[in-house]
Amino acid sequence: MTISNSEFNLKNLPSLNEVIIVEETLQNIDESIITTSNLKKLLKGKITQNKLMIILDYLKTTNKIVITSKGITWIHGTKKLLKLMDKLLEKSGLTEKDAILFGRRINKNAANKFREA
């Protein structure tokens, strides 16, 4: 079965570039939680409301963000976290395996904290 253009309008879907813009914006904000309205201000009208909602739903589904009543939080691994883990591994007596398990536990605890809020 073929979906007609009237049933499925590609113009309403976000482009890969728009998804990347939202991802990078969420990763690079200084705050740990941002509201949707503040995110829209940071994007400066580059992405429409409908496309932003589709992108946020995608990021939530792929476990890159958590959305709570307080706002949006990026939970996917970041370069900052990886650098911190490297420093932790170098300065501690932890094995690489222990450092990885520790990092996974931190990420899981952070995600659970924001899901409970």
N, C-alpha and C. Protein backbone atom coordinates (compact mmCIF):
# COMPACT_ATOMS: atom_id res chain seq x y z
N MET A 1 0.84 -1.18 0.00
CA MET A 1 0.00 0.00 0.00
C MET A 1 0.88 1.24 0.00
N THR A 2 0.60 2.16 -0.87
CA THR A 2 1.36 3.39 -0.97
C THR A 2 0.63 4.51 -0.24
N ILE A 3 1.36 5.28 0.53
CA ILE A 3 0.77 6.41 1.24
C ILE A 3 0.84 7.62 0.33
N SER A 4 -0.29 8.26 0.14
CA SER A 4 -0.32 9.42 -0.75
C SER A 4 0.29 10.63 -0.06
N ASN A 5 0.68 11.62 -0.85
CA ASN A 5 1.29 12.84 -0.33
C ASN A 5 0.33 13.59 0.58
N SER A 6 -0.97 13.50 0.31
CA SER A 6 -1.93 14.19 1.16
C SER A 6 -2.04 13.53 2.54
N GLU A 7 -1.80 12.22 2.62
CA GLU A 7 -1.86 11.52 3.90
C GLU A 7 -0.56 11.69 4.70
N PHE A 8 0.54 11.86 4.01
CA PHE A 8 1.84 11.91 4.68
C PHE A 8 2.66 13.01 4.03
N ASN A 9 2.64 14.18 4.60
CA ASN A 9 3.30 15.33 4.00
C ASN A 9 4.72 15.46 4.54
N LEU A 10 5.68 15.21 3.68
CA LEU A 10 7.09 15.26 4.08
C LEU A 10 7.53 16.66 4.51
N LYS A 11 6.82 17.69 4.03
CA LYS A 11 7.19 19.05 4.39
C LYS A 11 6.99 19.32 5.87
N ASN A 12 6.14 18.53 6.52
CA ASN A 12 5.87 18.73 7.95
C ASN A 12 6.87 18.02 8.85
N LEU A 13 7.72 17.19 8.27
CA LEU A 13 8.69 16.45 9.07
C LEU A 13 10.00 17.23 9.17
N PRO A 14 10.67 17.14 10.32
CA PRO A 14 11.95 17.85 10.46
C PRO A 14 13.03 17.20 9.62
N SER A 15 13.95 18.03 9.17
CA SER A 15 15.10 17.51 8.42
C SER A 15 16.16 17.02 9.42
N LEU A 16 17.11 16.29 8.91
CA LEU A 16 18.21 15.83 9.75
C LEU A 16 18.96 17.03 10.34
N ASN A 17 19.13 18.06 9.55
CA ASN A 17 19.81 19.27 10.01
C ASN A 17 19.08 19.89 11.21
N GLU A 18 17.75 19.91 11.15
CA GLU A 18 16.97 20.48 12.25
C GLU A 18 17.09 19.63 13.51
N VAL A 19 17.11 18.31 13.35
CA VAL A 19 17.30 17.42 14.50
C VAL A 19 18.67 17.67 15.14
N ILE A 20 19.69 17.81 14.32
CA ILE A 20 21.04 18.06 14.82
C ILE A 20 21.12 19.40 15.54
N ILE A 21 20.46 20.41 15.01
CA ILE A 21 20.46 21.73 15.67
C ILE A 21 19.87 21.63 17.07
N VAL A 22 18.75 20.93 17.21
CA VAL A 22 18.11 20.78 18.52
C VAL A 22 19.01 19.96 19.46
N GLU A 23 19.57 18.86 18.96
CA GLU A 23 20.46 18.03 19.78
C GLU A 23 21.64 18.86 20.30
N GLU A 24 22.30 19.58 19.41
CA GLU A 24 23.48 20.37 19.81
C GLU A 24 23.10 21.48 20.79
N THR A 25 21.95 22.08 20.58
CA THR A 25 21.49 23.13 21.50
C THR A 25 21.27 22.55 22.89
N LEU A 26 20.61 21.40 22.97
CA LEU A 26 20.34 20.78 24.27
C LEU A 26 21.63 20.32 24.95
N GLN A 27 22.58 19.83 24.17
CA GLN A 27 23.84 19.36 24.74
C GLN A 27 24.70 20.50 25.26
N ASN A 28 24.60 21.67 24.65
CA ASN A 28 25.52 22.76 24.96
C ASN A 28 24.97 23.83 25.89
N ILE A 29 23.75 23.67 26.40
CA ILE A 29 23.22 24.68 27.31
C ILE A 29 23.90 24.54 28.67
N ASP A 30 23.99 25.64 29.39
CA ASP A 30 24.63 25.63 30.70
C ASP A 30 23.74 25.04 31.78
N GLU A 31 22.43 25.23 31.64
CA GLU A 31 21.50 24.73 32.65
C GLU A 31 21.31 23.23 32.49
N SER A 32 20.93 22.56 33.57
CA SER A 32 20.67 21.12 33.47
C SER A 32 19.25 20.85 33.00
N ILE A 33 18.35 21.81 33.20
CA ILE A 33 16.96 21.69 32.76
C ILE A 33 16.60 22.95 32.00
N ILE A 34 15.91 22.77 30.87
CA ILE A 34 15.45 23.92 30.08
C ILE A 34 13.99 23.71 29.72
N THR A 35 13.22 24.77 29.77
CA THR A 35 11.81 24.68 29.39
C THR A 35 11.70 24.73 27.87
N THR A 36 10.57 24.26 27.37
CA THR A 36 10.34 24.28 25.93
C THR A 36 10.36 25.71 25.39
N SER A 37 9.76 26.63 26.15
CA SER A 37 9.74 28.03 25.68
C SER A 37 11.14 28.63 25.62
N ASN A 38 11.99 28.31 26.60
CA ASN A 38 13.38 28.80 26.56
C ASN A 38 14.17 28.14 25.43
N LEU A 39 13.88 26.89 25.16
CA LEU A 39 14.53 26.20 24.04
C LEU A 39 14.16 26.88 22.73
N LYS A 40 12.87 27.21 22.57
CA LYS A 40 12.43 27.90 21.36
C LYS A 40 13.15 29.24 21.20
N LYS A 41 13.36 29.95 22.32
CA LYS A 41 14.08 31.23 22.27
C LYS A 41 15.53 31.02 21.81
N LEU A 42 16.16 29.97 22.31
CA LEU A 42 17.55 29.68 21.91
C LEU A 42 17.63 29.33 20.42
N LEU A 43 16.60 28.69 19.91
CA LEU A 43 16.60 28.28 18.50
C LEU A 43 16.28 29.45 17.57
N LYS A 44 15.79 30.54 18.12
CA LYS A 44 15.55 31.79 17.39
C LYS A 44 14.72 31.59 16.12
N GLY A 45 13.65 30.81 16.24
CA GLY A 45 12.73 30.65 15.12
C GLY A 45 13.23 29.79 13.98
N LYS A 46 14.33 29.08 14.18
CA LYS A 46 14.88 28.25 13.11
C LYS A 46 14.00 27.02 12.84
N ILE A 47 13.23 26.62 13.87
CA ILE A 47 12.43 25.40 13.77
C ILE A 47 11.02 25.71 14.23
N THR A 48 10.03 25.25 13.47
CA THR A 48 8.65 25.51 13.82
C THR A 48 8.24 24.70 15.06
N GLN A 49 7.16 25.12 15.68
CA GLN A 49 6.65 24.46 16.89
C GLN A 49 6.35 22.98 16.62
N ASN A 50 5.67 22.69 15.51
CA ASN A 50 5.32 21.30 15.21
C ASN A 50 6.55 20.43 15.00
N LYS A 51 7.52 20.95 14.26
CA LYS A 51 8.75 20.19 14.03
C LYS A 51 9.52 19.99 15.33
N LEU A 52 9.54 21.01 16.19
CA LEU A 52 10.24 20.89 17.47
C LEU A 52 9.61 19.80 18.31
N MET A 53 8.28 19.73 18.34
CA MET A 53 7.60 18.69 19.12
C MET A 53 7.92 17.30 18.59
N ILE A 54 8.00 17.16 17.26
CA ILE A 54 8.37 15.87 16.66
C ILE A 54 9.79 15.50 17.05
N ILE A 55 10.70 16.47 17.00
CA ILE A 55 12.10 16.21 17.34
C ILE A 55 12.22 15.83 18.81
N LEU A 56 11.54 16.55 19.70
CA LEU A 56 11.60 16.24 21.13
C LEU A 56 11.04 14.85 21.41
N ASP A 57 9.97 14.48 20.70
CA ASP A 57 9.41 13.14 20.87
C ASP A 57 10.41 12.08 20.42
N TYR A 58 11.09 12.34 19.32
CA TYR A 58 12.13 11.42 18.83
C TYR A 58 13.26 11.29 19.85
N LEU A 59 13.74 12.42 20.37
CA LEU A 59 14.85 12.39 21.33
C LEU A 59 14.45 11.68 22.61
N LYS A 60 13.21 11.84 23.02
CA LYS A 60 12.71 11.15 24.21
C LYS A 60 12.62 9.64 23.96
N THR A 61 12.11 9.27 22.79
CA THR A 61 11.96 7.86 22.44
C THR A 61 13.32 7.16 22.36
N THR A 62 14.34 7.88 21.92
CA THR A 62 15.67 7.29 21.78
C THR A 62 16.52 7.47 23.05
N ASN A 63 15.87 7.88 24.14
CA ASN A 63 16.52 8.03 25.45
C ASN A 63 17.68 9.01 25.45
N LYS A 64 17.56 10.07 24.68
CA LYS A 64 18.57 11.12 24.69
C LYS A 64 18.17 12.25 25.63
N ILE A 65 16.86 12.41 25.85
CA ILE A 65 16.36 13.44 26.75
C ILE A 65 15.30 12.85 27.67
N VAL A 66 15.07 13.57 28.76
CA VAL A 66 13.95 13.27 29.64
C VAL A 66 13.12 14.55 29.69
N ILE A 67 11.81 14.39 29.56
CA ILE A 67 10.91 15.54 29.65
C ILE A 67 10.05 15.37 30.89
N THR A 68 10.13 16.35 31.80
CA THR A 68 9.34 16.34 33.02
C THR A 68 8.52 17.62 33.08
N SER A 69 7.78 17.76 34.16
CA SER A 69 7.00 18.99 34.33
C SER A 69 7.92 20.20 34.51
N LYS A 70 9.16 19.97 34.93
CA LYS A 70 10.12 21.07 35.13
C LYS A 70 10.79 21.49 33.83
N GLY A 71 10.86 20.59 32.86
CA GLY A 71 11.50 20.93 31.60
C GLY A 71 12.17 19.74 30.94
N ILE A 72 13.15 20.03 30.11
CA ILE A 72 13.85 19.04 29.30
C ILE A 72 15.29 18.92 29.79
N THR A 73 15.76 17.68 29.92
CA THR A 73 17.13 17.42 30.34
C THR A 73 17.79 16.45 29.38
N TRP A 74 18.98 16.80 28.92
CA TRP A 74 19.77 15.92 28.06
C TRP A 74 20.43 14.87 28.94
N ILE A 75 20.20 13.58 28.66
CA ILE A 75 20.77 12.51 29.48
C ILE A 75 21.71 11.61 28.72
N HIS A 76 21.76 11.75 27.41
CA HIS A 76 22.64 10.91 26.60
C HIS A 76 24.09 11.29 26.88
N GLY A 77 25.00 10.34 26.76
CA GLY A 77 26.41 10.61 27.02
C GLY A 77 26.92 11.83 26.28
N THR A 78 27.70 12.62 26.96
CA THR A 78 28.25 13.82 26.34
C THR A 78 29.77 13.78 26.39
N LYS A 79 30.38 14.66 25.62
CA LYS A 79 31.84 14.75 25.62
C LYS A 79 32.36 15.16 26.98
N LYS A 80 31.62 16.04 27.68
CA LYS A 80 32.04 16.47 29.00
C LYS A 80 32.09 15.29 29.95
N LEU A 81 31.07 14.45 29.90
CA LEU A 81 31.02 13.28 30.76
C LEU A 81 32.16 12.32 30.43
N LEU A 82 32.43 12.13 29.14
CA LEU A 82 33.51 11.23 28.76
C LEU A 82 34.87 11.75 29.22
N LYS A 83 35.09 13.07 29.14
CA LYS A 83 36.34 13.64 29.62
C LYS A 83 36.48 13.46 31.13
N LEU A 84 35.37 13.65 31.83
CA LEU A 84 35.37 13.46 33.28
C LEU A 84 35.67 12.00 33.63
N MET A 85 35.10 11.10 32.88
CA MET A 85 35.36 9.68 33.13
C MET A 85 36.83 9.34 32.86
N ASP A 86 37.42 9.93 31.83
CA ASP A 86 38.84 9.70 31.54
C ASP A 86 39.71 10.18 32.69
N LYS A 87 39.41 11.37 33.22
CA LYS A 87 40.17 11.90 34.35
C LYS A 87 40.00 11.01 35.57
N LEU A 88 38.78 10.55 35.81
CA LEU A 88 38.52 9.67 36.94
C LEU A 88 39.33 8.39 36.83
N LEU A 89 39.35 7.84 35.64
CA LEU A 89 40.10 6.61 35.41
C LEU A 89 41.60 6.81 35.63
N GLU A 90 42.14 7.93 35.14
CA GLU A 90 43.56 8.20 35.28
C GLU A 90 43.98 8.40 36.73
N LYS A 91 43.16 9.13 37.50
CA LYS A 91 43.54 9.51 38.86
C LYS A 91 43.14 8.49 39.92
N SER A 92 42.32 7.53 39.56
CA SER A 92 41.86 6.57 40.56
C SER A 92 42.51 5.21 40.34
N GLY A 93 42.24 4.34 41.24
CA GLY A 93 42.73 2.98 41.10
C GLY A 93 41.73 2.09 40.39
N LEU A 94 40.68 2.71 39.81
CA LEU A 94 39.64 1.94 39.14
C LEU A 94 40.17 1.33 37.85
N THR A 95 39.69 0.15 37.58
CA THR A 95 39.98 -0.45 36.28
C THR A 95 39.06 0.19 35.25
N GLU A 96 39.36 -0.02 34.01
CA GLU A 96 38.51 0.56 32.95
C GLU A 96 37.08 0.01 33.06
N LYS A 97 36.96 -1.28 33.37
CA LYS A 97 35.64 -1.90 33.50
C LYS A 97 34.86 -1.26 34.65
N ASP A 98 35.51 -1.04 35.79
CA ASP A 98 34.84 -0.41 36.93
C ASP A 98 34.41 1.02 36.60
N ALA A 99 35.25 1.75 35.87
CA ALA A 99 34.91 3.13 35.50
C ALA A 99 33.70 3.15 34.57
N ILE A 100 33.63 2.20 33.66
CA ILE A 100 32.48 2.12 32.76
C ILE A 100 31.21 1.82 33.53
N LEU A 101 31.28 0.87 34.44
CA LEU A 101 30.10 0.53 35.26
C LEU A 101 29.67 1.71 36.11
N PHE A 102 30.63 2.44 36.64
CA PHE A 102 30.34 3.64 37.44
C PHE A 102 29.63 4.69 36.59
N GLY A 103 30.11 4.92 35.39
CA GLY A 103 29.50 5.89 34.48
C GLY A 103 28.08 5.50 34.10
N ARG A 104 27.86 4.22 33.87
CA ARG A 104 26.51 3.76 33.54
C ARG A 104 25.56 3.97 34.71
N ARG A 105 26.04 3.72 35.91
CA ARG A 105 25.20 3.90 37.10
C ARG A 105 24.84 5.37 37.29
N ILE A 106 25.81 6.27 37.08
CA ILE A 106 25.54 7.71 37.20
C ILE A 106 24.47 8.12 36.19
N ASN A 107 24.63 7.70 34.95
CA ASN A 107 23.67 8.07 33.90
C ASN A 107 22.28 7.53 34.22
N LYS A 108 22.21 6.29 34.70
CA LYS A 108 20.92 5.67 35.03
C LYS A 108 20.27 6.39 36.20
N ASN A 109 21.06 6.74 37.23
CA ASN A 109 20.52 7.44 38.39
C ASN A 109 20.00 8.83 38.00
N ALA A 110 20.72 9.52 37.13
CA ALA A 110 20.29 10.84 36.67
C ALA A 110 18.98 10.74 35.91
N ALA A 111 18.87 9.74 35.04
CA ALA A 111 17.63 9.57 34.27
C ALA A 111 16.47 9.25 35.20
N ASN A 112 16.69 8.39 36.17
CA ASN A 112 15.62 8.04 37.11
C ASN A 112 15.19 9.24 37.94
N LYS A 113 16.15 10.07 38.33
CA LYS A 113 15.84 11.26 39.13
C LYS A 113 14.88 12.17 38.39
N PHE A 114 15.14 12.39 37.10
CA PHE A 114 14.30 13.29 36.33
C PHE A 114 12.97 12.64 35.93
N ARG A 115 12.93 11.34 35.82
CA ARG A 115 11.66 10.65 35.53
C ARG A 115 10.72 10.76 36.73
N GLU A 116 11.28 10.72 37.94
CA GLU A 116 10.48 10.79 39.16
C GLU A 116 9.93 12.18 39.41
N ALA A 117 10.61 13.20 38.87
CA ALA A 117 10.20 14.60 39.15
C ALA A 117 8.87 14.95 38.53
